[in-house]
PDB file of N, CA and C in Angstrom:
ATOM      1  N   MET A   1      -2.994  -6.357  15.441  1.00  0.00           N
ATOM      2  CA  MET A   1      -2.940  -7.851  15.449  1.00  0.00           C
ATOM      3  C   MET A   1      -1.533  -8.380  15.184  1.00  0.00           C
ATOM      4  N   ARG A   2      -1.128  -9.222  15.988  1.00  0.00           N
ATOM      5  CA  ARG A   2       0.297  -9.630  15.669  1.00  0.00           C
ATOM      6  C   ARG A   2       0.286 -10.634  14.468  1.00  0.00           C
ATOM      7  N   LYS A   3       1.173 -10.447  13.588  1.00  0.00           N
ATOM      8  CA  LYS A   3       1.182 -11.015  12.462  1.00  0.00           C
ATOM      9  C   LYS A   3       1.454 -12.592  12.647  1.00  0.00           C
ATOM     10  N   GLU A   4       2.222 -13.185  13.755  1.00  0.00           N
ATOM     11  CA  GLU A   4       2.354 -14.415  14.056  1.00  0.00           C
ATOM     12  C   GLU A   4       1.061 -15.205  14.211  1.00  0.00           C
ATOM     13  N   LYS A   5      -0.075 -14.539  14.754  1.00  0.00           N
ATOM     14  CA  LYS A   5      -1.443 -15.069  14.867  1.00  0.00           C
ATOM     15  C   LYS A   5      -2.049 -15.301  13.632  1.00  0.00           C
ATOM     16  N   LEU A   6      -1.488 -14.825  12.450  1.00  0.00           N
ATOM     17  CA  LEU A   6      -2.237 -15.031  11.052  1.00  0.00           C
ATOM     18  C   LEU A   6      -1.685 -16.061  10.337  1.00  0.00           C
ATOM     19  N   ILE A   7      -0.292 -16.466  10.789  1.00  0.00           N
ATOM     20  CA  ILE A   7       0.203 -17.815   9.993  1.00  0.00           C
ATOM     21  C   ILE A   7      -0.396 -18.868  10.087  1.00  0.00           C
ATOM     22  N   GLY A   8      -0.834 -19.562   8.998  1.00  0.00           N
ATOM     23  CA  GLY A   8      -1.648 -20.801   8.768  1.00  0.00           C
ATOM     24  C   GLY A   8      -3.095 -20.574   9.008  1.00  0.00           C
ATOM     25  N   LYS A   9      -3.561 -19.387   8.869  1.00  0.00           N
ATOM     26  CA  LYS A   9      -4.928 -19.256   9.336  1.00  0.00           C
ATOM     27  C   LYS A   9      -5.513 -18.270   8.171  1.00  0.00           C
ATOM     28  N   LYS A  10      -6.758 -18.252   7.900  1.00  0.00           N
ATOM     29  CA  LYS A  10      -7.493 -17.363   6.733  1.00  0.00           C
ATOM     30  C   LYS A  10      -7.757 -16.134   7.353  1.00  0.00           C
ATOM     31  N   PHE A  11      -7.800 -15.192   6.531  1.00  0.00           N
ATOM     32  CA  PHE A  11      -8.274 -13.781   7.256  1.00  0.00           C
ATOM     33  C   PHE A  11      -8.533 -12.913   5.968  1.00  0.00           C
ATOM     34  N   GLU A  12      -9.282 -11.829   6.428  1.00  0.00           N
ATOM     35  CA  GLU A  12      -9.588 -10.822   5.387  1.00  0.00           C
ATOM     36  C   GLU A  12      -8.827  -9.717   5.531  1.00  0.00           C
ATOM     37  N   LEU A  13      -8.276  -9.122   4.399  1.00  0.00           N
ATOM     38  CA  LEU A  13      -7.199  -7.831   4.504  1.00  0.00           C
ATOM     39  C   LEU A  13      -8.006  -6.621   5.310  1.00  0.00           C
ATOM     40  N   ASP A  14      -9.269  -6.491   4.922  1.00  0.00           N
ATOM     41  CA  ASP A  14      -9.716  -5.373   5.464  1.00  0.00           C
ATOM     42  C   ASP A  14     -10.023  -5.343   6.985  1.00  0.00           C
ATOM     43  N   SER A  15     -10.018  -6.496   7.584  1.00  0.00           N
ATOM     44  CA  SER A  15     -10.271  -6.680   9.022  1.00  0.00           C
ATOM     45  C   SER A  15      -8.888  -6.629   9.894  1.00  0.00           C
ATOM     46  N   LEU A  16      -7.917  -6.457   9.087  1.00  0.00           N
ATOM     47  CA  LEU A  16      -6.489  -6.362   9.814  1.00  0.00           C
ATOM     48  C   LEU A  16      -5.929  -4.891  10.120  1.00  0.00           C
ATOM     49  N   ILE A  17      -6.687  -3.810   9.374  1.00  0.00           N
ATOM     50  CA  ILE A  17      -6.186  -2.422   9.485  1.00  0.00           C
ATOM     51  C   ILE A  17      -7.284  -1.576   9.531  1.00  0.00           C
ATOM     52  N   ASP A  18      -7.269  -0.552  10.319  1.00  0.00           N
ATOM     53  CA  ASP A  18      -8.317   0.462  10.585  1.00  0.00           C
ATOM     54  C   ASP A  18      -7.782   1.805  10.229  1.00  0.00           C
ATOM     55  N   TYR A  19      -8.714   2.673   9.796  1.00  0.00           N
ATOM     56  CA  TYR A  19      -8.578   4.116   9.385  1.00  0.00           C
ATOM     57  C   TYR A  19      -8.210   4.874  10.803  1.00  0.00           C
ATOM     58  N   HIS A  20      -7.672   5.741  10.692  1.00  0.00           N
ATOM     59  CA  HIS A  20      -7.418   6.810  11.921  1.00  0.00           C
ATOM     60  C   HIS A  20      -7.385   8.246  11.288  1.00  0.00           C
ATOM     61  N   LYS A  21      -8.117   9.170  11.792  1.00  0.00           N
ATOM     62  CA  LYS A  21      -8.231  10.396  11.315  1.00  0.00           C
ATOM     63  C   LYS A  21      -7.113  11.006  11.257  1.00  0.00           C
ATOM     64  N   GLY A  22      -6.850  11.503   9.930  1.00  0.00           N
ATOM     65  CA  GLY A  22      -5.820  12.423   9.849  1.00  0.00           C
ATOM     66  C   GLY A  22      -4.418  11.701   9.464  1.00  0.00           C
ATOM     67  N   SER A  23      -4.393  10.202   9.585  1.00  0.00           N
ATOM     68  CA  SER A  23      -3.191   9.640   9.560  1.00  0.00           C
ATOM     69  C   SER A  23      -3.132   8.540   8.476  1.00  0.00           C
ATOM     70  N   VAL A  24      -1.810   8.045   8.181  1.00  0.00           N
ATOM     71  CA  VAL A  24      -1.615   7.038   7.391  1.00  0.00           C
ATOM     72  C   VAL A  24      -1.207   5.924   8.462  1.00  0.00           C
ATOM     73  N   VAL A  25      -1.840   4.826   8.412  1.00  0.00           N
ATOM     74  CA  VAL A  25      -1.523   3.590   9.254  1.00  0.00           C
ATOM     75  C   VAL A  25      -0.695   2.439   8.424  1.00  0.00           C
ATOM     76  N   SER A  26       0.138   1.555   8.928  1.00  0.00           N
ATOM     77  CA  SER A  26       0.735   0.583   8.267  1.00  0.00           C
ATOM     78  C   SER A  26       0.836  -0.769   9.187  1.00  0.00           C
ATOM     79  N   LEU A  27       0.843  -1.865   8.391  1.00  0.00           N
ATOM     80  CA  LEU A  27       0.934  -3.159   9.241  1.00  0.00           C
ATOM     81  C   LEU A  27       1.946  -4.120   8.262  1.00  0.00           C
ATOM     82  N   ALA A  28       3.013  -4.347   8.750  1.00  0.00           N
ATOM     83  CA  ALA A  28       3.835  -5.193   7.936  1.00  0.00           C
ATOM     84  C   ALA A  28       3.334  -6.821   8.330  1.00  0.00           C
ATOM     85  N   LEU A  29       3.066  -7.354   7.211  1.00  0.00           N
ATOM     86  CA  LEU A  29       2.498  -8.757   7.368  1.00  0.00           C
ATOM     87  C   LEU A  29       3.891  -9.684   7.035  1.00  0.00           C
ATOM     88  N   VAL A  30       4.657  -9.199   6.157  1.00  0.00           N
ATOM     89  CA  VAL A  30       5.940 -10.063   5.785  1.00  0.00           C
ATOM     90  C   VAL A  30       7.034  -9.032   5.658  1.00  0.00           C
ATOM     91  N   SER A  31       8.147  -9.533   6.473  1.00  0.00           N
ATOM     92  CA  SER A  31       9.255  -8.615   6.224  1.00  0.00           C
ATOM     93  C   SER A  31      10.524  -9.392   6.104  1.00  0.00           C
ATOM     94  N   LYS A  32      10.908  -9.565   5.125  1.00  0.00           N
ATOM     95  CA  LYS A  32      12.301 -10.573   4.846  1.00  0.00           C
ATOM     96  C   LYS A  32      13.219  -9.734   4.121  1.00  0.00           C
ATOM     97  N   LYS A  33      14.608 -10.367   4.106  1.00  0.00           N
ATOM     98  CA  LYS A  33      15.394  -9.943   3.206  1.00  0.00           C
ATOM     99  C   LYS A  33      15.084  -9.795   1.625  1.00  0.00           C
ATOM    100  N   THR A  34      14.127 -10.839   1.370  1.00  0.00           N
ATOM    101  CA  THR A  34      13.887 -11.003   0.047  1.00  0.00           C
ATOM    102  C   THR A  34      12.814 -10.017  -0.324  1.00  0.00           C
ATOM    103  N   GLY A  35      11.925  -9.472   0.489  1.00  0.00           N
ATOM    104  CA  GLY A  35      10.862  -8.649   0.221  1.00  0.00           C
ATOM    105  C   GLY A  35       9.952  -8.517   1.468  1.00  0.00           C
ATOM    106  N   THR A  36       8.931  -7.468   1.171  1.00  0.00           N
ATOM    107  CA  THR A  36       7.991  -7.255   2.254  1.00  0.00           C
ATOM    108  C   THR A  36       6.436  -7.281   1.650  1.00  0.00           C
ATOM    109  N   VAL A  37       5.671  -7.447   2.568  1.00  0.00           N
ATOM    110  CA  VAL A  37       4.108  -7.355   2.269  1.00  0.00           C
ATOM    111  C   VAL A  37       3.767  -6.509   3.269  1.00  0.00           C
ATOM    112  N   THR A  38       3.143  -5.254   3.094  1.00  0.00           N
ATOM    113  CA  THR A  38       2.509  -4.260   3.957  1.00  0.00           C
ATOM    114  C   THR A  38       1.195  -3.829   3.728  1.00  0.00           C
ATOM    115  N   LEU A  39       0.255  -3.773   4.619  1.00  0.00           N
ATOM    116  CA  LEU A  39      -1.006  -3.131   4.449  1.00  0.00           C
ATOM    117  C   LEU A  39      -0.818  -1.716   4.748  1.00  0.00           C
ATOM    118  N   PHE A  40      -1.660  -0.580   4.123  1.00  0.00           N
ATOM    119  CA  PHE A  40      -1.738   0.795   4.467  1.00  0.00           C
ATOM    120  C   PHE A  40      -3.043   0.926   4.500  1.00  0.00           C
ATOM    121  N   ALA A  41      -3.586   1.831   5.491  1.00  0.00           N
ATOM    122  CA  ALA A  41      -4.831   2.553   5.310  1.00  0.00           C
ATOM    123  C   ALA A  41      -4.682   4.031   5.485  1.00  0.00           C
ATOM    124  N   PHE A  42      -4.935   4.885   4.464  1.00  0.00           N
ATOM    125  CA  PHE A  42      -4.823   6.258   4.315  1.00  0.00           C
ATOM    126  C   PHE A  42      -6.304   7.060   4.584  1.00  0.00           C
ATOM    127  N   ASP A  43      -6.094   8.053   5.584  1.00  0.00           N
ATOM    128  CA  ASP A  43      -7.273   8.804   5.715  1.00  0.00           C
ATOM    129  C   ASP A  43      -7.478   9.758   4.485  1.00  0.00           C
ATOM    130  N   LYS A  44      -8.563  10.166   4.083  1.00  0.00           N
ATOM    131  CA  LYS A  44      -8.835  11.028   3.076  1.00  0.00           C
ATOM    132  C   LYS A  44      -7.883  12.221   3.102  1.00  0.00           C
ATOM    133  N   GLY A  45      -7.159  12.460   2.106  1.00  0.00           N
ATOM    134  CA  GLY A  45      -6.210  13.520   1.917  1.00  0.00           C
ATOM    135  C   GLY A  45      -4.819  13.358   2.344  1.00  0.00           C
ATOM    136  N   GLN A  46      -4.486  12.036   2.811  1.00  0.00           N
ATOM    137  CA  GLN A  46      -3.300  11.776   3.247  1.00  0.00           C
ATOM    138  C   GLN A  46      -2.474  11.101   2.437  1.00  0.00           C
ATOM    139  N   GLY A  47      -0.999  11.112   2.351  1.00  0.00           N
ATOM    140  CA  GLY A  47      -0.556  10.345   1.376  1.00  0.00           C
ATOM    141  C   GLY A  47       0.961  10.031   1.745  1.00  0.00           C
ATOM    142  N   LEU A  48       1.696   9.380   0.707  1.00  0.00           N
ATOM    143  CA  LEU A  48       3.219   9.356   0.745  1.00  0.00           C
ATOM    144  C   LEU A  48       3.898  10.460  -0.063  1.00  0.00           C
ATOM    145  N   SER A  49       4.754  11.155   0.272  1.00  0.00           N
ATOM    146  CA  SER A  49       5.542  12.058  -0.530  1.00  0.00           C
ATOM    147  C   SER A  49       6.395  11.313  -1.671  1.00  0.00           C
ATOM    148  N   GLU A  50       6.690  12.123  -2.639  1.00  0.00           N
ATOM    149  CA  GLU A  50       7.507  11.516  -3.722  1.00  0.00           C
ATOM    150  C   GLU A  50       8.762  11.030  -3.313  1.00  0.00           C
ATOM    151  N   HIS A  51       9.137   9.675  -3.935  1.00  0.00           N
ATOM    152  CA  HIS A  51      10.308   9.087  -3.446  1.00  0.00           C
ATOM    153  C   HIS A  51      10.396   7.986  -4.294  1.00  0.00           C
ATOM    154  N   SER A  52      11.433   7.219  -4.266  1.00  0.00           N
ATOM    155  CA  SER A  52      11.820   6.157  -5.040  1.00  0.00           C
ATOM    156  C   SER A  52      12.111   5.009  -4.344  1.00  0.00           C
ATOM    157  N   ALA A  53      12.318   3.823  -4.990  1.00  0.00           N
ATOM    158  CA  ALA A  53      12.648   2.502  -4.253  1.00  0.00           C
ATOM    159  C   ALA A  53      13.572   1.660  -5.406  1.00  0.00           C
ATOM    160  N   PRO A  54      14.607   0.942  -4.940  1.00  0.00           N
ATOM    161  CA  PRO A  54      15.398   0.085  -5.669  1.00  0.00           C
ATOM    162  C   PRO A  54      14.641  -1.193  -6.177  1.00  0.00           C
ATOM    163  N   PHE A  55      13.413  -1.429  -5.897  1.00  0.00           N
ATOM    164  CA  PHE A  55      12.752  -2.413  -6.346  1.00  0.00           C
ATOM    165  C   PHE A  55      11.337  -2.281  -6.904  1.00  0.00           C
ATOM    166  N   ASP A  56      10.853  -2.841  -7.663  1.00  0.00           N
ATOM    167  CA  ASP A  56       9.528  -2.779  -8.174  1.00  0.00           C
ATOM    168  C   ASP A  56       8.506  -3.141  -7.004  1.00  0.00           C
ATOM    169  N   ALA A  57       7.451  -2.491  -6.887  1.00  0.00           N
ATOM    170  CA  ALA A  57       6.558  -2.715  -5.924  1.00  0.00           C
ATOM    171  C   ALA A  57       5.095  -2.679  -6.500  1.00  0.00           C
ATOM    172  N   LEU A  58       4.286  -3.724  -6.008  1.00  0.00           N
ATOM    173  CA  LEU A  58       3.055  -3.728  -6.573  1.00  0.00           C
ATOM    174  C   LEU A  58       2.053  -3.141  -5.538  1.00  0.00           C
ATOM    175  N   ALA A  59       1.250  -2.353  -5.878  1.00  0.00           N
ATOM    176  CA  ALA A  59       0.303  -1.708  -4.948  1.00  0.00           C
ATOM    177  C   ALA A  59      -1.176  -2.114  -5.434  1.00  0.00           C
ATOM    178  N   TYR A  60      -1.902  -2.712  -4.484  1.00  0.00           N
ATOM    179  CA  TYR A  60      -3.118  -3.311  -4.704  1.00  0.00           C
ATOM    180  C   TYR A  60      -4.196  -2.469  -3.912  1.00  0.00           C
ATOM    181  N   VAL A  61      -5.278  -1.810  -4.336  1.00  0.00           N
ATOM    182  CA  VAL A  61      -6.163  -0.832  -3.558  1.00  0.00           C
ATOM    183  C   VAL A  61      -7.333  -1.900  -3.374  1.00  0.00           C
ATOM    184  N   PHE A  62      -7.586  -2.304  -2.043  1.00  0.00           N
ATOM    185  CA  PHE A  62      -8.656  -3.195  -1.459  1.00  0.00           C
ATOM    186  C   PHE A  62      -9.833  -2.422  -0.956  1.00  0.00           C
ATOM    187  N   ASP A  63      -9.786  -0.940  -0.867  1.00  0.00           N
ATOM    188  CA  ASP A  63     -10.722  -0.366  -0.454  1.00  0.00           C
ATOM    189  C   ASP A  63     -10.598   1.214  -0.654  1.00  0.00           C
ATOM    190  N   GLY A  64     -11.699   2.006  -1.301  1.00  0.00           N
ATOM    191  CA  GLY A  64     -11.700   3.230  -1.522  1.00  0.00           C
ATOM    192  C   GLY A  64     -10.891   3.680  -2.909  1.00  0.00           C
ATOM    193  N   GLU A  65     -10.285   4.794  -3.052  1.00  0.00           N
ATOM    194  CA  GLU A  65      -9.706   5.060  -4.203  1.00  0.00           C
ATOM    195  C   GLU A  65      -8.490   6.051  -4.041  1.00  0.00           C
ATOM    196  N   ALA A  66      -7.464   5.978  -4.764  1.00  0.00           N
ATOM    197  CA  ALA A  66      -6.347   6.704  -4.432  1.00  0.00           C
ATOM    198  C   ALA A  66      -5.837   7.249  -5.832  1.00  0.00           C
ATOM    199  N   GLU A  67      -4.846   8.167  -5.782  1.00  0.00           N
ATOM    200  CA  GLU A  67      -4.089   8.870  -6.734  1.00  0.00           C
ATOM    201  C   GLU A  67      -2.544   8.277  -6.658  1.00  0.00           C
ATOM    202  N   ILE A  68      -2.058   7.519  -7.398  1.00  0.00           N
ATOM    203  CA  ILE A  68      -0.603   7.046  -7.462  1.00  0.00           C
ATOM    204  C   ILE A  68       0.013   7.570  -8.550  1.00  0.00           C
ATOM    205  N   ILE A  69       1.118   8.600  -8.287  1.00  0.00           N
ATOM    206  CA  ILE A  69       1.676   9.151  -9.352  1.00  0.00           C
ATOM    207  C   ILE A  69       3.073   8.657  -9.561  1.00  0.00           C
ATOM    208  N   ILE A  70       3.366   8.046 -10.696  1.00  0.00           N
ATOM    209  CA  ILE A  70       4.846   7.669 -11.228  1.00  0.00           C
ATOM    210  C   ILE A  70       5.356   8.307 -12.002  1.00  0.00           C
ATOM    211  N   SER A  71       6.499   8.638 -11.909  1.00  0.00           N
ATOM    212  CA  SER A  71       7.166   9.668 -12.703  1.00  0.00           C
ATOM    213  C   SER A  71       6.383  11.032 -13.429  1.00  0.00           C
ATOM    214  N   LYS A  72       5.755  11.642 -12.458  1.00  0.00           N
ATOM    215  CA  LYS A  72       4.867  12.751 -12.623  1.00  0.00           C
ATOM    216  C   LYS A  72       3.651  12.553 -13.103  1.00  0.00           C
ATOM    217  N   LYS A  73       3.382  11.164 -13.571  1.00  0.00           N
ATOM    218  CA  LYS A  73       1.883  10.775 -14.243  1.00  0.00           C
ATOM    219  C   LYS A  73       1.006  10.141 -13.351  1.00  0.00           C
ATOM    220  N   PRO A  74      -0.321  10.923 -13.231  1.00  0.00           N
ATOM    221  CA  PRO A  74      -1.001  10.275 -11.962  1.00  0.00           C
ATOM    222  C   PRO A  74      -2.049   9.109 -12.612  1.00  0.00           C
ATOM    223  N   HIS A  75      -2.151   8.243 -11.791  1.00  0.00           N
ATOM    224  CA  HIS A  75      -3.011   7.213 -11.970  1.00  0.00           C
ATOM    225  C   HIS A  75      -4.240   7.079 -10.931  1.00  0.00           C
ATOM    226  N   HIS A  76      -5.242   7.009 -11.454  1.00  0.00           N
ATOM    227  CA  HIS A  76      -6.540   6.910 -10.497  1.00  0.00           C
ATOM    228  C   HIS A  76      -6.875   5.386 -10.236  1.00  0.00           C
ATOM    229  N   LEU A  77      -6.736   4.983  -9.160  1.00  0.00           N
ATOM    230  CA  LEU A  77      -7.005   3.500  -8.764  1.00  0.00           C
ATOM    231  C   LEU A  77      -8.103   3.538  -7.899  1.00  0.00           C
ATOM    232  N   LYS A  78      -9.071   2.589  -8.097  1.00  0.00           N
ATOM    233  CA  LYS A  78     -10.234   2.439  -7.147  1.00  0.00           C
ATOM    234  C   LYS A  78     -10.151   0.928  -6.461  1.00  0.00           C
ATOM    235  N   MET A  79     -10.940   0.416  -5.624  1.00  0.00           N
ATOM    236  CA  MET A  79     -11.102  -0.944  -5.437  1.00  0.00           C
ATOM    237  C   MET A  79     -11.077  -1.863  -6.127  1.00  0.00           C
ATOM    238  N   GLY A  80     -10.076  -2.871  -6.072  1.00  0.00           N
ATOM    239  CA  GLY A  80      -9.847  -4.052  -7.037  1.00  0.00           C
ATOM    240  C   GLY A  80      -8.822  -3.725  -7.963  1.00  0.00           C
ATOM    241  N   GLU A  81      -8.241  -2.630  -8.030  1.00  0.00           N
ATOM    242  CA  GLU A  81      -7.397  -2.295  -8.976  1.00  0.00           C
ATOM    243  C   GLU A  81      -5.887  -2.333  -8.490  1.00  0.00           C
ATOM    244  N   MET A  82      -4.889  -2.724  -9.351  1.00  0.00           N
ATOM    245  CA  MET A  82      -3.662  -2.452  -8.871  1.00  0.00           C
ATOM    246  C   MET A  82      -2.742  -1.845 -10.077  1.00  0.00           C
ATOM    247  N   ILE A  83      -1.383  -1.433  -9.622  1.00  0.00           N
ATOM    248  CA  ILE A  83      -0.301  -0.834 -10.380  1.00  0.00           C
ATOM    249  C   ILE A  83       0.817  -1.345  -9.945  1.00  0.00           C
ATOM    250  N   ILE A  84       2.095  -1.374 -10.923  1.00  0.00           N
ATOM    251  CA  ILE A  84       3.244  -1.829 -10.530  1.00  0.00           C
ATOM    252  C   ILE A  84       3.972  -0.491 -10.476  1.00  0.00           C
ATOM    253  N   MET A  85       4.737  -0.129  -9.625  1.00  0.00           N
ATOM    254  CA  MET A  85       5.522   1.100  -9.406  1.00  0.00           C
ATOM    255  C   MET A  85       6.939   0.535  -9.721  1.00  0.00           C
ATOM    256  N   PRO A  86       7.497   0.799 -10.836  1.00  0.00           N
ATOM    257  CA  PRO A  86       8.774   0.490 -11.237  1.00  0.00           C
ATOM    258  C   PRO A  86      10.011   1.095 -10.439  1.00  0.00           C
ATOM    259  N   ALA A  87      11.007  -0.003 -10.304  1.00  0.00           N
ATOM    260  CA  ALA A  87      12.071   0.380  -9.587  1.00  0.00           C
ATOM    261  C   ALA A  87      12.766   1.635  -9.904  1.00  0.00           C
ATOM    262  N   ASN A  88      13.291   2.536  -9.014  1.00  0.00           N
ATOM    263  CA  ASN A  88      14.120   3.751  -9.413  1.00  0.00           C
ATOM    264  C   ASN A  88      13.392   4.733 -10.151  1.00  0.00           C
ATOM    265  N   GLU A  89      12.185   4.769 -10.118  1.00  0.00           N
ATOM    266  CA  GLU A  89      11.265   5.880 -10.685  1.00  0.00           C
ATOM    267  C   GLU A  89      10.659   6.440  -9.663  1.00  0.00           C
ATOM    268  N   SER A  90      10.332   7.756  -9.484  1.00  0.00           N
ATOM    269  CA  SER A  90       9.682   8.553  -8.558  1.00  0.00           C
ATOM    270  C   SER A  90       8.413   8.074  -8.427  1.00  0.00           C
ATOM    271  N   HIS A  91       7.582   8.045  -7.430  1.00  0.00           N
ATOM    272  CA  HIS A  91       6.307   7.911  -7.228  1.00  0.00           C
ATOM    273  C   HIS A  91       5.918   8.443  -5.824  1.00  0.00           C
ATOM    274  N   ALA A  92       4.467   8.765  -5.743  1.00  0.00           N
ATOM    275  CA  ALA A  92       3.858   9.326  -4.484  1.00  0.00           C
ATOM    276  C   ALA A  92       2.403   8.571  -4.586  1.00  0.00           C
ATOM    277  N   VAL A  93       1.829   8.691  -3.277  1.00  0.00           N
ATOM    278  CA  VAL A  93       0.630   8.243  -3.092  1.00  0.00           C
ATOM    279  C   VAL A  93      -0.307   9.363  -2.574  1.00  0.00           C
ATOM    280  N   LYS A  94      -1.757   9.495  -3.019  1.00  0.00           N
ATOM    281  CA  LYS A  94      -2.545  10.400  -2.311  1.00  0.00           C
ATOM    282  C   LYS A  94      -3.971   9.734  -2.319  1.00  0.00           C
ATOM    283  N   ALA A  95      -4.585   9.801  -1.075  1.00  0.00           N
ATOM    284  CA  ALA A  95      -5.884   9.383  -0.950  1.00  0.00           C
ATOM    285  C   ALA A  95      -6.867  10.402  -1.342  1.00  0.00           C
ATOM    286  N   LEU A  96      -7.492   9.851  -2.446  1.00  0.00           N
ATOM    287  CA  LEU A  96      -8.789  10.791  -2.874  1.00  0.00           C
ATOM    288  C   LEU A  96      -9.661  10.773  -1.937  1.00  0.00           C
ATOM    289  N   ASN A  97     -10.044   9.626  -1.479  1.00  0.00           N
ATOM    290  CA  ASN A  97     -11.064   9.256  -0.439  1.00  0.00           C
ATOM    291  C   ASN A  97     -10.291   8.253   0.655  1.00  0.00           C
ATOM    292  N   LYS A  98     -10.829   7.838   1.697  1.00  0.00           N
ATOM    293  CA  LYS A  98     -10.151   6.812   2.523  1.00  0.00           C
ATOM    294  C   LYS A  98      -9.902   5.668   1.753  1.00  0.00           C
ATOM    295  N   PHE A  99      -8.659   5.235   1.682  1.00  0.00           N
ATOM    296  CA  PHE A  99      -8.291   3.865   0.916  1.00  0.00           C
ATOM    297  C   PHE A  99      -7.324   3.032   1.774  1.00  0.00           C
ATOM    298  N   LYS A 100      -7.549   1.823   1.188  1.00  0.00           N
ATOM    299  CA  LYS A 100      -6.589   0.857   1.879  1.00  0.00           C
ATOM    300  C   LYS A 100      -5.806   0.120   0.791  1.00  0.00           C
ATOM    301  N   MET A 101      -4.462  -0.233   0.920  1.00  0.00           N
ATOM    302  CA  MET A 101      -3.804  -0.840   0.037  1.00  0.00           C
ATOM    303  C   MET A 101      -2.912  -1.968   0.400  1.00  0.00           C
ATOM    304  N   LEU A 102      -2.619  -2.956  -0.186  1.00  0.00           N
ATOM    305  CA  LEU A 102      -1.734  -3.868  -0.096  1.00  0.00           C
ATOM    306  C   LEU A 102      -0.301  -3.502  -0.746  1.00  0.00           C
ATOM    307  N   LEU A 103       0.662  -3.490  -0.246  1.00  0.00           N
ATOM    308  CA  LEU A 103       1.873  -3.251  -0.993  1.00  0.00           C
ATOM    309  C   LEU A 103       2.828  -4.446  -0.907  1.00  0.00           C
ATOM    310  N   ILE A 104       3.291  -4.959  -2.045  1.00  0.00           N
ATOM    311  CA  ILE A 104       3.935  -6.102  -2.162  1.00  0.00           C
ATOM    312  C   ILE A 104       5.394  -5.580  -2.894  1.00  0.00           C
ATOM    313  N   MET A 105       6.406  -5.757  -2.377  1.00  0.00           N
ATOM    314  CA  MET A 105       7.795  -5.562  -2.903  1.00  0.00           C
ATOM    315  C   MET A 105       8.774  -6.745  -2.607  1.00  0.00           C
ATOM    316  N   ILE A 106       9.272  -7.308  -3.877  1.00  0.00           N
ATOM    317  CA  ILE A 106      10.097  -8.558  -4.049  1.00  0.00           C
ATOM    318  C   ILE A 106      11.496  -7.737  -4.365  1.00  0.00           C
ATOM    319  N   LYS A 107      12.402  -8.113  -3.467  1.00  0.00           N
ATOM    320  CA  LYS A 107      13.884  -7.622  -3.601  1.00  0.00           C
ATOM    321  C   LYS A 107      14.786  -8.343  -4.197  1.00  0.00           C
ATOM    322  N   SER A 108      14.282  -9.707  -4.830  1.00  0.00           N
ATOM    323  CA  SER A 108      15.318 -10.428  -5.224  1.00  0.00           C
ATOM    324  C   SER A 108      14.912 -11.000  -6.783  1.00  0.00           C
TER     325      SER A 108
END
């Protein structure tokens, strides 16, 4: 779905992104110089390798469950839970089961 069609309309996060076997799917809802809002759908066992970002990022799990590792410490998150990944600290994401998350990064 084109994000332009969403502006000024109500929607459910879950309906905007689907799982794909063996993949990680993403959909940018907002992409500005000041920050981003991105949806992700991870198939079971998929993930994002360890990396860091120069800004804090809030990850909200709205379906399934995941392990989010921050500075080598694992955090188990399930539907309805969120965590803030601190700026400049290493983090990684792994789908324990299929899961979807909303990632919000504010750059200013």
